[in-house]
Amino acid sequence: MVSPDEPVAEPRRRAAHLGPERRRPMILDAALQVFSERGFAGTTMQTVADAAGVTKPVVYASFANRDELLLALLAREEQHLVLSIMAALPANPGVGTPEQHVLDGLSAFLETAAKNPQSWRIVFGAQYGAAPVVADRVRAARAFLVEGLRLTLVQSLPGVTDPDANLPVLAEMLASMTESCARMLVVDGTDRSPRELAQVVSKVVGGGFGAV
């Protein structure tokens, strides 16, 4: 029997009065933290609930299952990365050399990646061990990146021979180098700065793309 003088605890009061739509950002923040630390296999509805400070039914009230939760998280983090990509692209791609475009744009892009490592970790990590629907979402995001690079190269490299055939190849090469640099920064670790990594890539671009 509870004493009249003993305070009655009211656990998780915040979760009780917030609707699913208002709880979703909080749960996604918790999922990002868990995924960054534990990867796909360690991200469960229970671990996310624990990180968010709510019960598992509260998480299920916002997301039907783990795949739906990860898809929502990927969508949010992809949006952050897309915005950083757009901000890093040259404002006047027809002005200057391709090497300078890559150096300036990739430097800004990698600086953003280094400041937001969790976003990159989920994009990279979600490719391994995830359900097909989640892996497909990651591939779609990468395809968007490659297409953006192709459109930029159209303006940056007006002298490319047979652009319809060659620009997609160049865009894929640049996307692969961009991914590798980002992975080195936020997953594998490197003593190179974003600018130093961008300088290596820009030299490859300047030495090779101009000959295509």
Protein backbone atom coordinates (compact mmCIF):
# COMPACT_ATOMS: atom_id res chain seq x y z
CA MET A 1 0.00 0.00 0.00
CA VAL A 2 1.36 3.42 -0.94
CA SER A 3 1.77 5.89 1.90
CA PRO A 4 -0.20 9.17 1.47
CA ASP A 5 3.07 11.04 2.00
CA GLU A 6 5.00 9.00 -0.58
CA PRO A 7 5.22 10.72 -4.00
CA VAL A 8 3.78 8.73 -6.86
CA ALA A 9 6.14 8.43 -9.81
CA GLU A 10 4.78 9.32 -13.23
CA PRO A 11 7.21 7.69 -15.67
CA ARG A 12 7.39 8.72 -19.31
CA ARG A 13 4.84 11.51 -18.91
CA ARG A 14 6.18 13.24 -22.03
CA ALA A 15 5.64 10.18 -24.21
CA ALA A 16 2.10 9.77 -22.91
CA HIS A 17 0.79 13.14 -24.09
CA LEU A 18 2.68 13.51 -27.37
CA GLY A 19 1.05 12.17 -30.52
CA PRO A 20 2.96 9.87 -32.91
CA GLU A 21 3.79 12.70 -35.33
CA ARG A 22 5.37 14.77 -32.58
CA ARG A 23 7.25 11.76 -31.20
CA ARG A 24 8.65 10.70 -34.57
CA PRO A 25 11.55 13.24 -34.65
CA MET A 26 12.56 12.22 -31.11
CA ILE A 27 12.49 8.53 -32.02
CA LEU A 28 14.44 9.17 -35.24
CA ASP A 29 17.11 11.04 -33.26
CA ALA A 30 17.40 8.04 -30.96
CA ALA A 31 17.53 5.63 -33.91
CA LEU A 32 20.34 7.65 -35.50
CA GLN A 33 22.35 7.42 -32.30
CA VAL A 34 21.76 3.68 -31.92
CA PHE A 35 22.50 2.89 -35.56
CA SER A 36 25.68 4.95 -35.50
CA GLU A 37 26.91 3.04 -32.46
CA ARG A 38 25.59 -0.48 -33.14
CA GLY A 39 24.92 -0.77 -36.87
CA PHE A 40 21.93 -2.45 -38.48
CA ALA A 41 22.05 -5.67 -36.47
CA GLY A 42 22.11 -3.82 -33.15
CA THR A 43 19.27 -1.45 -34.02
CA THR A 44 16.04 -2.91 -32.68
CA MET A 45 12.77 -1.36 -31.64
CA GLN A 46 13.79 -2.02 -28.03
CA THR A 47 17.23 -0.39 -28.27
CA VAL A 48 15.68 2.63 -29.96
CA ALA A 49 13.00 2.82 -27.26
CA ASP A 50 15.67 2.67 -24.56
CA ALA A 51 17.69 5.44 -26.23
CA ALA A 52 14.59 7.60 -26.61
CA GLY A 53 13.49 7.02 -23.01
CA VAL A 54 10.12 5.55 -23.98
CA THR A 55 8.51 2.12 -24.02
CA LYS A 56 8.65 -0.15 -27.06
CA PRO A 57 4.90 0.25 -27.74
CA VAL A 58 5.49 3.99 -28.07
CA VAL A 59 8.01 3.32 -30.87
CA TYR A 60 5.58 0.93 -32.56
CA ALA A 61 2.89 3.60 -32.39
CA SER A 62 5.08 5.78 -34.62
CA PHE A 63 6.67 3.12 -36.86
CA ALA A 64 5.19 -0.26 -37.75
CA ASN A 65 8.52 -2.10 -37.74
CA ARG A 66 12.29 -1.66 -37.90
CA ASP A 67 12.40 -1.39 -41.69
CA GLU A 68 9.85 1.43 -41.68
CA LEU A 69 11.84 3.18 -38.94
CA LEU A 70 15.11 2.88 -40.87
CA LEU A 71 13.50 4.02 -44.11
CA ALA A 72 12.21 7.15 -42.38
CA LEU A 73 15.64 7.74 -40.86
CA LEU A 74 17.36 7.26 -44.22
CA ALA A 75 14.94 9.69 -45.86
CA ARG A 76 15.70 12.34 -43.27
CA GLU A 77 19.47 11.90 -43.35
CA GLU A 78 19.52 11.71 -47.15
CA GLN A 79 17.78 15.07 -47.24
CA HIS A 80 20.53 16.53 -45.07
CA LEU A 81 23.18 15.11 -47.39
CA VAL A 82 21.42 16.26 -50.54
CA LEU A 83 21.28 19.79 -49.15
CA SER A 84 25.01 19.62 -48.43
CA ILE A 85 25.66 18.36 -51.96
CA MET A 86 23.67 21.19 -53.51
CA ALA A 87 25.45 23.74 -51.33
CA ALA A 88 28.84 22.31 -52.36
CA LEU A 89 28.23 22.40 -56.10
CA PRO A 90 29.80 25.39 -57.89
CA ALA A 91 27.44 28.33 -58.39
CA ASN A 92 28.90 29.00 -61.85
CA PRO A 93 30.06 25.60 -63.17
CA GLY A 94 30.99 27.07 -66.53
CA VAL A 95 33.61 29.33 -64.96
CA GLY A 96 37.01 27.97 -63.96
CA THR A 97 38.68 24.62 -64.55
CA PRO A 98 37.18 21.20 -63.75
CA GLU A 99 40.02 20.66 -61.29
CA GLN A 100 39.11 23.84 -59.39
CA HIS A 101 35.42 22.93 -59.41
CA VAL A 102 36.13 19.55 -57.87
CA LEU A 103 38.58 20.98 -55.33
CA ASP A 104 36.20 23.67 -54.08
CA GLY A 105 33.02 21.60 -54.28
CA LEU A 106 34.41 18.40 -52.79
CA SER A 107 36.20 20.32 -50.03
CA ALA A 108 32.91 21.90 -48.95
CA PHE A 109 31.09 18.60 -49.29
CA LEU A 110 33.61 16.62 -47.22
CA GLU A 111 33.71 19.33 -44.58
CA THR A 112 29.95 18.87 -44.21
CA ALA A 113 30.32 15.09 -44.04
CA ALA A 114 32.97 15.40 -41.34
CA LYS A 115 30.66 17.62 -39.29
CA ASN A 116 27.73 15.21 -39.68
CA PRO A 117 29.34 11.77 -39.39
CA GLN A 118 26.21 9.99 -38.16
CA SER A 119 24.34 10.84 -41.36
CA TRP A 120 27.10 9.28 -43.42
CA ARG A 121 27.38 6.23 -41.17
CA ILE A 122 23.76 5.31 -41.64
CA VAL A 123 23.97 5.78 -45.42
CA PHE A 124 27.06 3.58 -45.61
CA GLY A 125 26.07 1.12 -42.89
CA ALA A 126 22.51 0.60 -44.12
CA GLN A 127 23.93 -1.12 -47.19
CA TYR A 128 25.16 -4.08 -45.15
CA GLY A 129 22.82 -6.64 -43.62
CA ALA A 130 19.71 -4.54 -44.15
CA ALA A 131 16.43 -5.68 -45.62
CA PRO A 132 16.19 -5.33 -49.44
CA VAL A 133 13.77 -2.41 -49.17
CA VAL A 134 16.30 -0.47 -47.07
CA ALA A 135 19.24 -1.35 -49.32
CA ASP A 136 17.20 -0.28 -52.35
CA ARG A 137 16.63 3.12 -50.75
CA VAL A 138 20.38 3.56 -50.27
CA ARG A 139 21.03 2.71 -53.92
CA ALA A 140 18.38 5.19 -55.02
CA ALA A 141 20.04 7.94 -52.98
CA ARG A 142 23.38 7.14 -54.57
CA ALA A 143 21.83 7.21 -58.05
CA PHE A 144 20.55 10.71 -57.27
CA LEU A 145 24.08 11.77 -56.34
CA VAL A 146 25.52 10.35 -59.57
CA GLU A 147 22.90 12.12 -61.68
CA GLY A 148 23.63 15.43 -59.93
CA LEU A 149 27.33 15.00 -60.67
CA ARG A 150 26.57 14.17 -64.30
CA LEU A 151 24.52 17.34 -64.75
CA THR A 152 27.32 19.39 -63.17
CA LEU A 153 29.91 17.81 -65.45
CA VAL A 154 27.79 18.71 -68.50
CA GLN A 155 28.46 22.36 -67.69
CA SER A 156 31.96 21.95 -66.27
CA LEU A 157 33.34 19.90 -69.16
CA PRO A 158 31.79 21.32 -72.33
CA GLY A 159 34.58 19.89 -74.49
CA VAL A 160 34.06 16.24 -73.54
CA THR A 161 33.90 13.98 -76.60
CA ASP A 162 30.54 12.17 -76.90
CA PRO A 163 29.09 13.49 -73.60
CA ASP A 164 26.08 11.16 -73.70
CA ALA A 165 28.42 8.18 -73.47
CA ASN A 166 31.27 9.60 -71.38
CA LEU A 167 29.66 11.91 -68.80
CA PRO A 168 27.78 9.11 -66.99
CA VAL A 169 31.08 7.23 -66.67
CA LEU A 170 32.86 10.32 -65.36
CA ALA A 171 30.03 10.99 -62.91
CA GLU A 172 30.21 7.42 -61.61
CA MET A 173 33.98 7.73 -61.16
CA LEU A 174 33.62 11.02 -59.30
CA ALA A 175 30.81 9.61 -57.12
CA SER A 176 32.98 6.60 -56.21
CA MET A 177 35.89 8.84 -55.25
CA THR A 178 33.55 11.06 -53.24
CA GLU A 179 32.16 8.04 -51.37
CA SER A 180 35.65 6.73 -50.68
CA CYS A 181 36.79 10.05 -49.25
CA ALA A 182 33.69 10.38 -47.07
CA ARG A 183 34.12 6.82 -45.81
CA MET A 184 37.74 7.51 -44.91
CA LEU A 185 36.68 10.57 -42.94
CA VAL A 186 33.71 9.25 -40.98
CA VAL A 187 33.99 5.45 -40.97
CA ASP A 188 37.54 4.19 -41.44
CA GLY A 189 39.46 7.18 -40.12
CA THR A 190 42.27 9.13 -41.79
CA ASP A 191 44.85 11.74 -40.88
CA ARG A 192 44.03 13.66 -44.06
CA SER A 193 41.80 16.72 -43.86
CA PRO A 194 38.77 17.13 -46.14
CA ARG A 195 40.74 19.69 -48.16
CA GLU A 196 43.70 17.34 -48.57
CA LEU A 197 41.46 14.52 -49.76
CA ALA A 198 39.74 16.88 -52.19
CA GLN A 199 43.11 17.95 -53.56
CA VAL A 200 43.99 14.34 -54.42
CA VAL A 201 40.68 13.85 -56.24
CA SER A 202 40.93 17.18 -58.06
CA LYS A 203 44.37 16.23 -59.42
CA VAL A 204 42.93 12.99 -60.78
CA VAL A 205 40.08 14.94 -62.37
CA GLY A 206 42.40 17.56 -63.82
CA GLY A 207 44.77 14.99 -65.23
CA GLY A 208 42.26 12.51 -66.59
CA PHE A 209 38.88 14.06 -67.32
CA GLY A 210 40.29 16.71 -69.62
CA ALA A 211 41.63 14.03 -71.95
CA VAL A 212 38.23 12.37 -72.47
